[in-house]
Amino acid sequence: MADEKLPPHDIEAEEAVIGSLLIDPDAILKIAASLKPEDFFSETNRVIYQACLSIYQRPNEVINHITVAHELMREDKLEQIG
């Protein structure tokens, strides 16, 4: 059986990005154009980041733990990611 190699990844860095988005409402402005959901190795982090992007695209809505949880519920993905 051949060894499957994983692409380079850093889950802690991904979690730091998500954490920054939840703490700093302006953080998304710095990364939205260059960081795509598919750049995340972790499926959970990918889904959360996509929810943040969806919130960001709506005027007058702020990214925080409450709005992200509501977005994940709206997309029926909250239980999927735990």
C-alpha atoms as a PDB file:
ATOM      1  CA  MET A   1       0.000   0.000   0.000  1.00  0.00           C
ATOM      2  CA  ALA A   2       1.484   3.343  -1.019  1.00  0.00           C
ATOM      3  CA  ASP A   3       1.902   6.074   1.545  1.00  0.00           C
ATOM      4  CA  GLU A   4      -0.439   8.944   0.814  1.00  0.00           C
ATOM      5  CA  LYS A   5       1.164  12.323   1.359  1.00  0.00           C
ATOM      6  CA  LEU A   6      -0.897  15.124   2.804  1.00  0.00           C
ATOM      7  CA  PRO A   7      -0.530  18.608   1.381  1.00  0.00           C
ATOM      8  CA  PRO A   8       1.185  21.118   3.646  1.00  0.00           C
ATOM      9  CA  HIS A   9      -1.233  22.416   6.240  1.00  0.00           C
ATOM     10  CA  ASP A  10      -1.362  24.094   9.638  1.00  0.00           C
ATOM     11  CA  ILE A  11      -4.635  23.627  11.484  1.00  0.00           C
ATOM     12  CA  GLU A  12      -3.542  25.978  14.272  1.00  0.00           C
ATOM     13  CA  ALA A  13      -2.923  28.758  11.741  1.00  0.00           C
ATOM     14  CA  GLU A  14      -6.368  28.161  10.245  1.00  0.00           C
ATOM     15  CA  GLU A  15      -7.925  28.356  13.701  1.00  0.00           C
ATOM     16  CA  ALA A  16      -6.014  31.585  14.382  1.00  0.00           C
ATOM     17  CA  VAL A  17      -7.491  33.105  11.219  1.00  0.00           C
ATOM     18  CA  ILE A  18     -11.010  32.095  12.253  1.00  0.00           C
ATOM     19  CA  GLY A  19     -10.396  33.423  15.767  1.00  0.00           C
ATOM     20  CA  SER A  20      -9.187  36.746  14.376  1.00  0.00           C
ATOM     21  CA  LEU A  21     -12.329  37.059  12.294  1.00  0.00           C
ATOM     22  CA  LEU A  22     -14.507  36.481  15.354  1.00  0.00           C
ATOM     23  CA  ILE A  23     -12.609  39.027  17.464  1.00  0.00           C
ATOM     24  CA  ASP A  24     -11.921  41.794  14.930  1.00  0.00           C
ATOM     25  CA  PRO A  25     -14.837  42.843  12.706  1.00  0.00           C
ATOM     26  CA  ASP A  26     -12.424  44.483  10.251  1.00  0.00           C
ATOM     27  CA  ALA A  27     -10.134  41.459   9.850  1.00  0.00           C
ATOM     28  CA  ILE A  28     -12.223  40.108   6.967  1.00  0.00           C
ATOM     29  CA  LEU A  29     -11.419  43.251   4.960  1.00  0.00           C
ATOM     30  CA  LYS A  30      -7.748  42.284   4.960  1.00  0.00           C
ATOM     31  CA  ILE A  31      -8.142  38.704   3.773  1.00  0.00           C
ATOM     32  CA  ALA A  32     -11.405  38.219   1.868  1.00  0.00           C
ATOM     33  CA  ALA A  33      -9.902  38.969  -1.545  1.00  0.00           C
ATOM     34  CA  SER A  34      -6.948  36.626  -1.170  1.00  0.00           C
ATOM     35  CA  LEU A  35      -8.036  33.776   1.109  1.00  0.00           C
ATOM     36  CA  LYS A  36     -10.565  31.350  -0.335  1.00  0.00           C
ATOM     37  CA  PRO A  37     -12.509  28.637   1.517  1.00  0.00           C
ATOM     38  CA  GLU A  38     -10.701  25.949  -0.478  1.00  0.00           C
ATOM     39  CA  ASP A  39      -7.400  27.206   0.983  1.00  0.00           C
ATOM     40  CA  PHE A  40      -8.384  25.632   4.313  1.00  0.00           C
ATOM     41  CA  PHE A  41      -7.274  22.055   4.909  1.00  0.00           C
ATOM     42  CA  SER A  42      -9.776  21.461   7.709  1.00  0.00           C
ATOM     43  CA  GLU A  43     -13.335  20.951   6.480  1.00  0.00           C
ATOM     44  CA  THR A  44     -14.662  22.496   9.689  1.00  0.00           C
ATOM     45  CA  ASN A  45     -12.537  25.612   9.265  1.00  0.00           C
ATOM     46  CA  ARG A  46     -13.514  25.788   5.591  1.00  0.00           C
ATOM     47  CA  VAL A  47     -17.227  25.760   6.458  1.00  0.00           C
ATOM     48  CA  ILE A  48     -16.800  28.389   9.184  1.00  0.00           C
ATOM     49  CA  TYR A  49     -14.775  30.643   6.878  1.00  0.00           C
ATOM     50  CA  GLN A  50     -17.417  30.318   4.155  1.00  0.00           C
ATOM     51  CA  ALA A  51     -20.043  31.383   6.697  1.00  0.00           C
ATOM     52  CA  CYS A  52     -17.898  34.411   7.566  1.00  0.00           C
ATOM     53  CA  LEU A  53     -17.654  35.327   3.885  1.00  0.00           C
ATOM     54  CA  SER A  54     -21.423  35.017   3.496  1.00  0.00           C
ATOM     55  CA  ILE A  55     -21.963  37.359   6.436  1.00  0.00           C
ATOM     56  CA  TYR A  56     -19.359  39.792   5.088  1.00  0.00           C
ATOM     57  CA  GLN A  57     -21.243  40.059   1.781  1.00  0.00           C
ATOM     58  CA  ARG A  58     -24.371  41.302   3.553  1.00  0.00           C
ATOM     59  CA  PRO A  59     -24.386  45.026   4.347  1.00  0.00           C
ATOM     60  CA  ASN A  60     -24.573  46.128   7.973  1.00  0.00           C
ATOM     61  CA  GLU A  61     -23.874  42.671   9.385  1.00  0.00           C
ATOM     62  CA  VAL A  62     -20.897  42.020  11.658  1.00  0.00           C
ATOM     63  CA  ILE A  63     -18.946  38.776  11.915  1.00  0.00           C
ATOM     64  CA  ASN A  64     -18.935  37.420  15.466  1.00  0.00           C
ATOM     65  CA  HIS A  65     -19.616  34.112  17.186  1.00  0.00           C
ATOM     66  CA  ILE A  66     -23.362  34.759  17.260  1.00  0.00           C
ATOM     67  CA  THR A  67     -23.767  35.730  13.600  1.00  0.00           C
ATOM     68  CA  VAL A  68     -21.538  32.858  12.493  1.00  0.00           C
ATOM     69  CA  ALA A  69     -23.578  30.365  14.536  1.00  0.00           C
ATOM     70  CA  HIS A  70     -26.800  31.742  13.030  1.00  0.00           C
ATOM     71  CA  GLU A  71     -25.337  31.545   9.522  1.00  0.00           C
ATOM     72  CA  LEU A  72     -24.272  27.940  10.084  1.00  0.00           C
ATOM     73  CA  MET A  73     -27.769  27.104  11.381  1.00  0.00           C
ATOM     74  CA  ARG A  74     -29.329  28.868   8.385  1.00  0.00           C
ATOM     75  CA  GLU A  75     -27.146  26.807   6.049  1.00  0.00           C
ATOM     76  CA  ASP A  76     -27.953  23.656   8.073  1.00  0.00           C
ATOM     77  CA  LYS A  77     -24.248  23.076   8.789  1.00  0.00           C
ATOM     78  CA  LEU A  78     -23.943  23.767  12.506  1.00  0.00           C
ATOM     79  CA  GLU A  79     -24.441  20.146  13.550  1.00  0.00           C
ATOM     80  CA  GLN A  80     -22.150  18.967  10.730  1.00  0.00           C
ATOM     81  CA  ILE A  81     -19.168  20.826  12.142  1.00  0.00           C
ATOM     82  CA  GLY A  82     -20.009  20.310  15.820  1.00  0.00           C
END
